Amino acid sequence: MSEQDAAEGNGKFPKKHAVTPITVTHPEDVDLSTIKLFREPAWMLRLTLEGDRSYTRIKIVRAAPLSHPQDYICLLDAKDEEICMLPDLKGVDDQMRQIIDEELDRRYLTSTIESIKSVRNEFGTSYWEVETNRGEREFVVQNAAENAQWLGEHRLLLVDVDGNRFEIPDLKQLDSKSMALVEMVL
């Protein structure tokens, strides 16, 4: 049998099918007015792109959580693949804005350190006892060089071994004992 017979489906070989390309909506091509973000059921975040498709188990993340926390918001599917990115939240309706804010607050929960009771450093690991806006906390930071990030001249973010985030918005606003303890460790 010739290749032509096989291509036409003659004889034992099935006819070859034409490949139909799948249209993929690239993040930069998504029109904000086509995005519908909602919870259904009440605990599951869903996204529908009007005229395209729907996604379940959506995740909302910041592309630049430290330098641009209110800009570059990514909507990811269940496989953590980007569906679209919102360069900013201008033009987002109130309902969608509320959902985005709730999800980002949940994902990036950060306690604000108001004072430091004690810090001890052992073999590159620091043990902190602090007072935060959520009450007293004890946490452990391994390798402060990697898990303590200066976000400005006086703003410090600490990430503990469990991924919890603790922020000192302005080091100069701490009492002198707390400042001395931070300087001792960092």
C-alpha atoms as a PDB file:
ATOM      1  CA  MET A   1       0.000   0.000   0.000  1.00  0.00           C
ATOM      2  CA  SER A   2       1.319   3.415  -0.895  1.00  0.00           C
ATOM      3  CA  GLU A   3       1.602   6.387   1.424  1.00  0.00           C
ATOM      4  CA  GLN A   4      -1.127   8.039  -0.609  1.00  0.00           C
ATOM      5  CA  ASP A   5      -3.473   5.106   0.060  1.00  0.00           C
ATOM      6  CA  ALA A   6      -2.673   5.296   3.776  1.00  0.00           C
ATOM      7  CA  ALA A   7      -3.262   9.051   3.823  1.00  0.00           C
ATOM      8  CA  GLU A   8      -6.620   8.642   2.118  1.00  0.00           C
ATOM      9  CA  GLY A   9      -7.679   5.824   4.416  1.00  0.00           C
ATOM     10  CA  ASN A  10      -7.547   3.116   1.737  1.00  0.00           C
ATOM     11  CA  GLY A  11      -6.742  -0.418   2.793  1.00  0.00           C
ATOM     12  CA  LYS A  12      -5.823  -1.338   6.363  1.00  0.00           C
ATOM     13  CA  PHE A  13      -4.620   2.067   7.472  1.00  0.00           C
ATOM     14  CA  PRO A  14      -7.082   4.566   8.933  1.00  0.00           C
ATOM     15  CA  LYS A  15      -7.467   7.936   7.274  1.00  0.00           C
ATOM     16  CA  LYS A  16      -5.177  10.580   8.741  1.00  0.00           C
ATOM     17  CA  HIS A  17      -6.982  13.298  10.647  1.00  0.00           C
ATOM     18  CA  ALA A  18      -6.204  16.953  10.309  1.00  0.00           C
ATOM     19  CA  VAL A  19      -4.778  18.527  13.429  1.00  0.00           C
ATOM     20  CA  THR A  20      -7.021  21.225  14.856  1.00  0.00           C
ATOM     21  CA  PRO A  21      -5.021  23.769  16.839  1.00  0.00           C
ATOM     22  CA  ILE A  22      -6.251  24.710  20.292  1.00  0.00           C
ATOM     23  CA  THR A  23      -6.719  28.409  20.842  1.00  0.00           C
ATOM     24  CA  VAL A  24      -4.888  29.533  23.954  1.00  0.00           C
ATOM     25  CA  THR A  25      -5.716  32.848  25.544  1.00  0.00           C
ATOM     26  CA  HIS A  26      -2.462  34.464  26.533  1.00  0.00           C
ATOM     27  CA  PRO A  27      -2.419  36.493  29.738  1.00  0.00           C
ATOM     28  CA  GLU A  28      -1.776  39.757  27.921  1.00  0.00           C
ATOM     29  CA  ASP A  29      -4.808  39.168  25.667  1.00  0.00           C
ATOM     30  CA  VAL A  30      -7.433  38.856  28.422  1.00  0.00           C
ATOM     31  CA  ASP A  31      -9.933  41.706  28.576  1.00  0.00           C
ATOM     32  CA  LEU A  32     -10.827  42.595  32.170  1.00  0.00           C
ATOM     33  CA  SER A  33     -14.505  42.892  31.254  1.00  0.00           C
ATOM     34  CA  THR A  34     -14.579  39.190  30.266  1.00  0.00           C
ATOM     35  CA  ILE A  35     -13.357  37.934  33.654  1.00  0.00           C
ATOM     36  CA  LYS A  36     -15.913  36.681  36.147  1.00  0.00           C
ATOM     37  CA  LEU A  37     -14.495  35.589  39.521  1.00  0.00           C
ATOM     38  CA  PHE A  38     -16.817  33.913  42.028  1.00  0.00           C
ATOM     39  CA  ARG A  39     -17.131  31.189  44.669  1.00  0.00           C
ATOM     40  CA  GLU A  40     -19.191  28.121  43.820  1.00  0.00           C
ATOM     41  CA  PRO A  41     -19.703  26.230  46.026  1.00  0.00           C
ATOM     42  CA  ALA A  42     -19.109  28.842  48.717  1.00  0.00           C
ATOM     43  CA  TRP A  43     -15.561  27.638  49.470  1.00  0.00           C
ATOM     44  CA  MET A  44     -14.248  27.035  45.906  1.00  0.00           C
ATOM     45  CA  LEU A  45     -12.883  29.905  43.854  1.00  0.00           C
ATOM     46  CA  ARG A  46     -13.860  29.792  40.179  1.00  0.00           C
ATOM     47  CA  LEU A  47     -13.049  31.904  37.151  1.00  0.00           C
ATOM     48  CA  THR A  48     -14.903  32.228  33.868  1.00  0.00           C
ATOM     49  CA  LEU A  49     -13.497  33.985  30.831  1.00  0.00           C
ATOM     50  CA  GLU A  50     -16.571  35.024  28.867  1.00  0.00           C
ATOM     51  CA  GLY A  51     -16.654  33.344  25.481  1.00  0.00           C
ATOM     52  CA  ASP A  52     -13.692  31.127  26.339  1.00  0.00           C
ATOM     53  CA  ARG A  53     -13.696  28.732  29.298  1.00  0.00           C
ATOM     54  CA  SER A  54     -14.166  28.230  33.027  1.00  0.00           C
ATOM     55  CA  TYR A  55     -11.625  27.223  35.647  1.00  0.00           C
ATOM     56  CA  THR A  56     -12.083  25.709  39.099  1.00  0.00           C
ATOM     57  CA  ARG A  57      -9.780  25.859  42.115  1.00  0.00           C
ATOM     58  CA  ILE A  58      -8.274  29.202  41.142  1.00  0.00           C
ATOM     59  CA  LYS A  59      -5.334  30.615  43.080  1.00  0.00           C
ATOM     60  CA  ILE A  60      -4.594  34.314  43.305  1.00  0.00           C
ATOM     61  CA  VAL A  61      -0.960  35.291  43.866  1.00  0.00           C
ATOM     62  CA  ARG A  62       1.220  38.358  43.672  1.00  0.00           C
ATOM     63  CA  ALA A  63       3.930  38.324  41.008  1.00  0.00           C
ATOM     64  CA  ALA A  64       5.941  40.864  43.018  1.00  0.00           C
ATOM     65  CA  PRO A  65       4.708  40.518  46.618  1.00  0.00           C
ATOM     66  CA  LEU A  66       7.439  42.653  48.163  1.00  0.00           C
ATOM     67  CA  SER A  67       8.100  45.401  45.639  1.00  0.00           C
ATOM     68  CA  HIS A  68       4.583  45.799  44.136  1.00  0.00           C
ATOM     69  CA  PRO A  69       2.053  44.156  46.470  1.00  0.00           C
ATOM     70  CA  GLN A  70      -0.977  45.880  44.880  1.00  0.00           C
ATOM     71  CA  ASP A  71       0.083  45.337  41.252  1.00  0.00           C
ATOM     72  CA  TYR A  72       0.744  42.335  38.992  1.00  0.00           C
ATOM     73  CA  ILE A  73      -1.893  39.992  40.410  1.00  0.00           C
ATOM     74  CA  CYS A  74      -1.781  36.526  38.807  1.00  0.00           C
ATOM     75  CA  LEU A  75      -4.747  34.201  38.488  1.00  0.00           C
ATOM     76  CA  LEU A  76      -3.537  30.589  38.379  1.00  0.00           C
ATOM     77  CA  ASP A  77      -5.380  27.383  37.544  1.00  0.00           C
ATOM     78  CA  ALA A  78      -5.387  24.197  39.647  1.00  0.00           C
ATOM     79  CA  LYS A  79      -2.016  23.191  38.113  1.00  0.00           C
ATOM     80  CA  ASP A  80      -0.464  26.561  39.074  1.00  0.00           C
ATOM     81  CA  GLU A  81      -0.362  27.659  35.445  1.00  0.00           C
ATOM     82  CA  GLU A  82      -1.076  31.308  34.761  1.00  0.00           C
ATOM     83  CA  ILE A  83      -4.469  32.081  33.282  1.00  0.00           C
ATOM     84  CA  CYS A  84      -3.988  35.825  33.294  1.00  0.00           C
ATOM     85  CA  MET A  85      -2.231  38.660  35.076  1.00  0.00           C
ATOM     86  CA  LEU A  86      -3.858  41.879  36.205  1.00  0.00           C
ATOM     87  CA  PRO A  87      -1.251  44.663  36.002  1.00  0.00           C
ATOM     88  CA  ASP A  88      -3.239  46.563  38.627  1.00  0.00           C
ATOM     89  CA  LEU A  89      -6.702  46.473  40.180  1.00  0.00           C
ATOM     90  CA  LYS A  90      -8.034  49.605  38.464  1.00  0.00           C
ATOM     91  CA  GLY A  91     -11.318  48.852  36.773  1.00  0.00           C
ATOM     92  CA  VAL A  92     -11.971  45.708  38.827  1.00  0.00           C
ATOM     93  CA  ASP A  93     -15.570  45.653  40.082  1.00  0.00           C
ATOM     94  CA  ASP A  94     -16.276  45.676  43.834  1.00  0.00           C
ATOM     95  CA  GLN A  95     -17.243  41.986  44.090  1.00  0.00           C
ATOM     96  CA  MET A  96     -14.121  40.812  42.261  1.00  0.00           C
ATOM     97  CA  ARG A  97     -11.951  43.230  44.257  1.00  0.00           C
ATOM     98  CA  GLN A  98     -13.333  41.826  47.530  1.00  0.00           C
ATOM     99  CA  ILE A  99     -12.563  38.243  46.466  1.00  0.00           C
ATOM    100  CA  ILE A 100      -9.035  39.188  45.345  1.00  0.00           C
ATOM    101  CA  ASP A 101      -8.359  41.047  48.608  1.00  0.00           C
ATOM    102  CA  GLU A 102      -9.655  38.121  50.723  1.00  0.00           C
ATOM    103  CA  GLU A 103      -7.518  35.593  48.860  1.00  0.00           C
ATOM    104  CA  LEU A 104      -4.378  37.735  48.999  1.00  0.00           C
ATOM    105  CA  ASP A 105      -4.878  38.463  52.705  1.00  0.00           C
ATOM    106  CA  ARG A 106      -5.227  34.741  53.371  1.00  0.00           C
ATOM    107  CA  ARG A 107      -2.177  33.793  51.280  1.00  0.00           C
ATOM    108  CA  TYR A 108       0.084  36.605  52.486  1.00  0.00           C
ATOM    109  CA  LEU A 109      -0.971  36.829  56.124  1.00  0.00           C
ATOM    110  CA  THR A 110       1.674  38.948  57.830  1.00  0.00           C
ATOM    111  CA  SER A 111       1.896  39.725  61.529  1.00  0.00           C
ATOM    112  CA  THR A 112       3.285  43.123  62.486  1.00  0.00           C
ATOM    113  CA  ILE A 113       5.963  43.016  65.191  1.00  0.00           C
ATOM    114  CA  GLU A 114       5.309  45.722  67.776  1.00  0.00           C
ATOM    115  CA  SER A 115       8.065  44.799  70.249  1.00  0.00           C
ATOM    116  CA  ILE A 116      10.696  42.115  70.728  1.00  0.00           C
ATOM    117  CA  LYS A 117      10.964  40.395  74.099  1.00  0.00           C
ATOM    118  CA  SER A 118      13.968  38.233  73.308  1.00  0.00           C
ATOM    119  CA  VAL A 119      16.052  36.819  70.485  1.00  0.00           C
ATOM    120  CA  ARG A 120      18.756  34.210  70.730  1.00  0.00           C
ATOM    121  CA  ASN A 121      20.959  32.967  67.957  1.00  0.00           C
ATOM    122  CA  GLU A 122      22.329  29.412  67.833  1.00  0.00           C
ATOM    123  CA  PHE A 123      24.317  28.081  64.886  1.00  0.00           C
ATOM    124  CA  GLY A 124      22.652  30.356  62.324  1.00  0.00           C
ATOM    125  CA  THR A 125      19.140  29.825  63.679  1.00  0.00           C
ATOM    126  CA  SER A 126      17.422  32.609  65.609  1.00  0.00           C
ATOM    127  CA  TYR A 127      14.645  32.093  68.152  1.00  0.00           C
ATOM    128  CA  TRP A 128      12.294  35.052  68.524  1.00  0.00           C
ATOM    129  CA  GLU A 129       9.780  35.992  71.237  1.00  0.00           C
ATOM    130  CA  VAL A 130       7.744  38.969  70.076  1.00  0.00           C
ATOM    131  CA  GLU A 131       4.564  40.941  70.606  1.00  0.00           C
ATOM    132  CA  THR A 132       2.583  41.329  67.370  1.00  0.00           C
ATOM    133  CA  ASN A 133      -0.688  42.878  66.311  1.00  0.00           C
ATOM    134  CA  ARG A 134      -2.098  39.352  66.790  1.00  0.00           C
ATOM    135  CA  GLY A 135      -0.665  38.795  70.274  1.00  0.00           C
ATOM    136  CA  GLU A 136       2.482  37.137  71.630  1.00  0.00           C
ATOM    137  CA  ARG A 137       4.339  34.846  69.265  1.00  0.00           C
ATOM    138  CA  GLU A 138       7.413  32.655  69.334  1.00  0.00           C
ATOM    139  CA  PHE A 139       9.010  31.669  66.046  1.00  0.00           C
ATOM    140  CA  VAL A 140      12.232  30.335  64.565  1.00  0.00           C
ATOM    141  CA  VAL A 141      14.128  31.806  61.611  1.00  0.00           C
ATOM    142  CA  GLN A 142      16.801  29.700  59.943  1.00  0.00           C
ATOM    143  CA  ASN A 143      19.550  31.451  58.022  1.00  0.00           C
ATOM    144  CA  ALA A 144      18.571  35.071  58.551  1.00  0.00           C
ATOM    145  CA  ALA A 145      20.573  36.074  55.466  1.00  0.00           C
ATOM    146  CA  GLU A 146      17.945  34.320  53.320  1.00  0.00           C
ATOM    147  CA  ASN A 147      14.835  34.697  55.469  1.00  0.00           C
ATOM    148  CA  ALA A 148      15.188  38.299  56.636  1.00  0.00           C
ATOM    149  CA  GLN A 149      14.560  40.772  53.831  1.00  0.00           C
ATOM    150  CA  TRP A 150      14.997  44.509  53.998  1.00  0.00           C
ATOM    151  CA  LEU A 151      12.102  46.107  52.124  1.00  0.00           C
ATOM    152  CA  GLY A 152      13.407  49.605  52.583  1.00  0.00           C
ATOM    153  CA  GLU A 153      15.850  51.434  54.790  1.00  0.00           C
ATOM    154  CA  HIS A 154      13.906  50.682  57.991  1.00  0.00           C
ATOM    155  CA  ARG A 155      11.360  48.029  56.950  1.00  0.00           C
ATOM    156  CA  LEU A 156      12.128  44.367  57.662  1.00  0.00           C
ATOM    157  CA  LEU A 157      10.318  41.147  56.729  1.00  0.00           C
ATOM    158  CA  LEU A 158      11.110  37.872  58.526  1.00  0.00           C
ATOM    159  CA  VAL A 159       9.906  34.472  57.292  1.00  0.00           C
ATOM    160  CA  ASP A 160       9.951  31.662  59.853  1.00  0.00           C
ATOM    161  CA  VAL A 161      10.576  27.939  59.300  1.00  0.00           C
ATOM    162  CA  ASP A 162       6.833  27.372  58.765  1.00  0.00           C
ATOM    163  CA  GLY A 163       6.529  30.105  56.127  1.00  0.00           C
ATOM    164  CA  ASN A 164       4.816  32.590  58.465  1.00  0.00           C
ATOM    165  CA  ARG A 165       5.634  36.224  57.750  1.00  0.00           C
ATOM    166  CA  PHE A 166       6.498  38.839  60.371  1.00  0.00           C
ATOM    167  CA  GLU A 167       7.032  42.466  59.465  1.00  0.00           C
ATOM    168  CA  ILE A 168       8.660  45.371  61.249  1.00  0.00           C
ATOM    169  CA  PRO A 169       7.236  48.301  59.229  1.00  0.00           C
ATOM    170  CA  ASP A 170       9.643  50.861  60.696  1.00  0.00           C
ATOM    171  CA  LEU A 171      12.605  49.787  62.809  1.00  0.00           C
ATOM    172  CA  LYS A 172      12.887  53.317  64.235  1.00  0.00           C
ATOM    173  CA  GLN A 173       9.425  52.975  65.798  1.00  0.00           C
ATOM    174  CA  LEU A 174      10.570  50.063  68.003  1.00  0.00           C
ATOM    175  CA  ASP A 175      11.685  50.662  71.581  1.00  0.00           C
ATOM    176  CA  SER A 176      15.460  50.771  72.164  1.00  0.00           C
ATOM    177  CA  LYS A 177      15.630  47.214  73.605  1.00  0.00           C
ATOM    178  CA  SER A 178      13.816  45.778  70.557  1.00  0.00           C
ATOM    179  CA  MET A 179      16.083  47.690  68.165  1.00  0.00           C
ATOM    180  CA  ALA A 180      19.190  46.414  69.963  1.00  0.00           C
ATOM    181  CA  LEU A 181      17.935  42.812  69.704  1.00  0.00           C
ATOM    182  CA  VAL A 182      17.348  43.144  65.951  1.00  0.00           C
ATOM    183  CA  GLU A 183      20.812  44.648  65.456  1.00  0.00           C
ATOM    184  CA  MET A 184      22.341  41.803  67.482  1.00  0.00           C
ATOM    185  CA  VAL A 185      20.848  39.131  65.204  1.00  0.00           C
ATOM    186  CA  LEU A 186      21.064  40.916  61.879  1.00  0.00           C
END
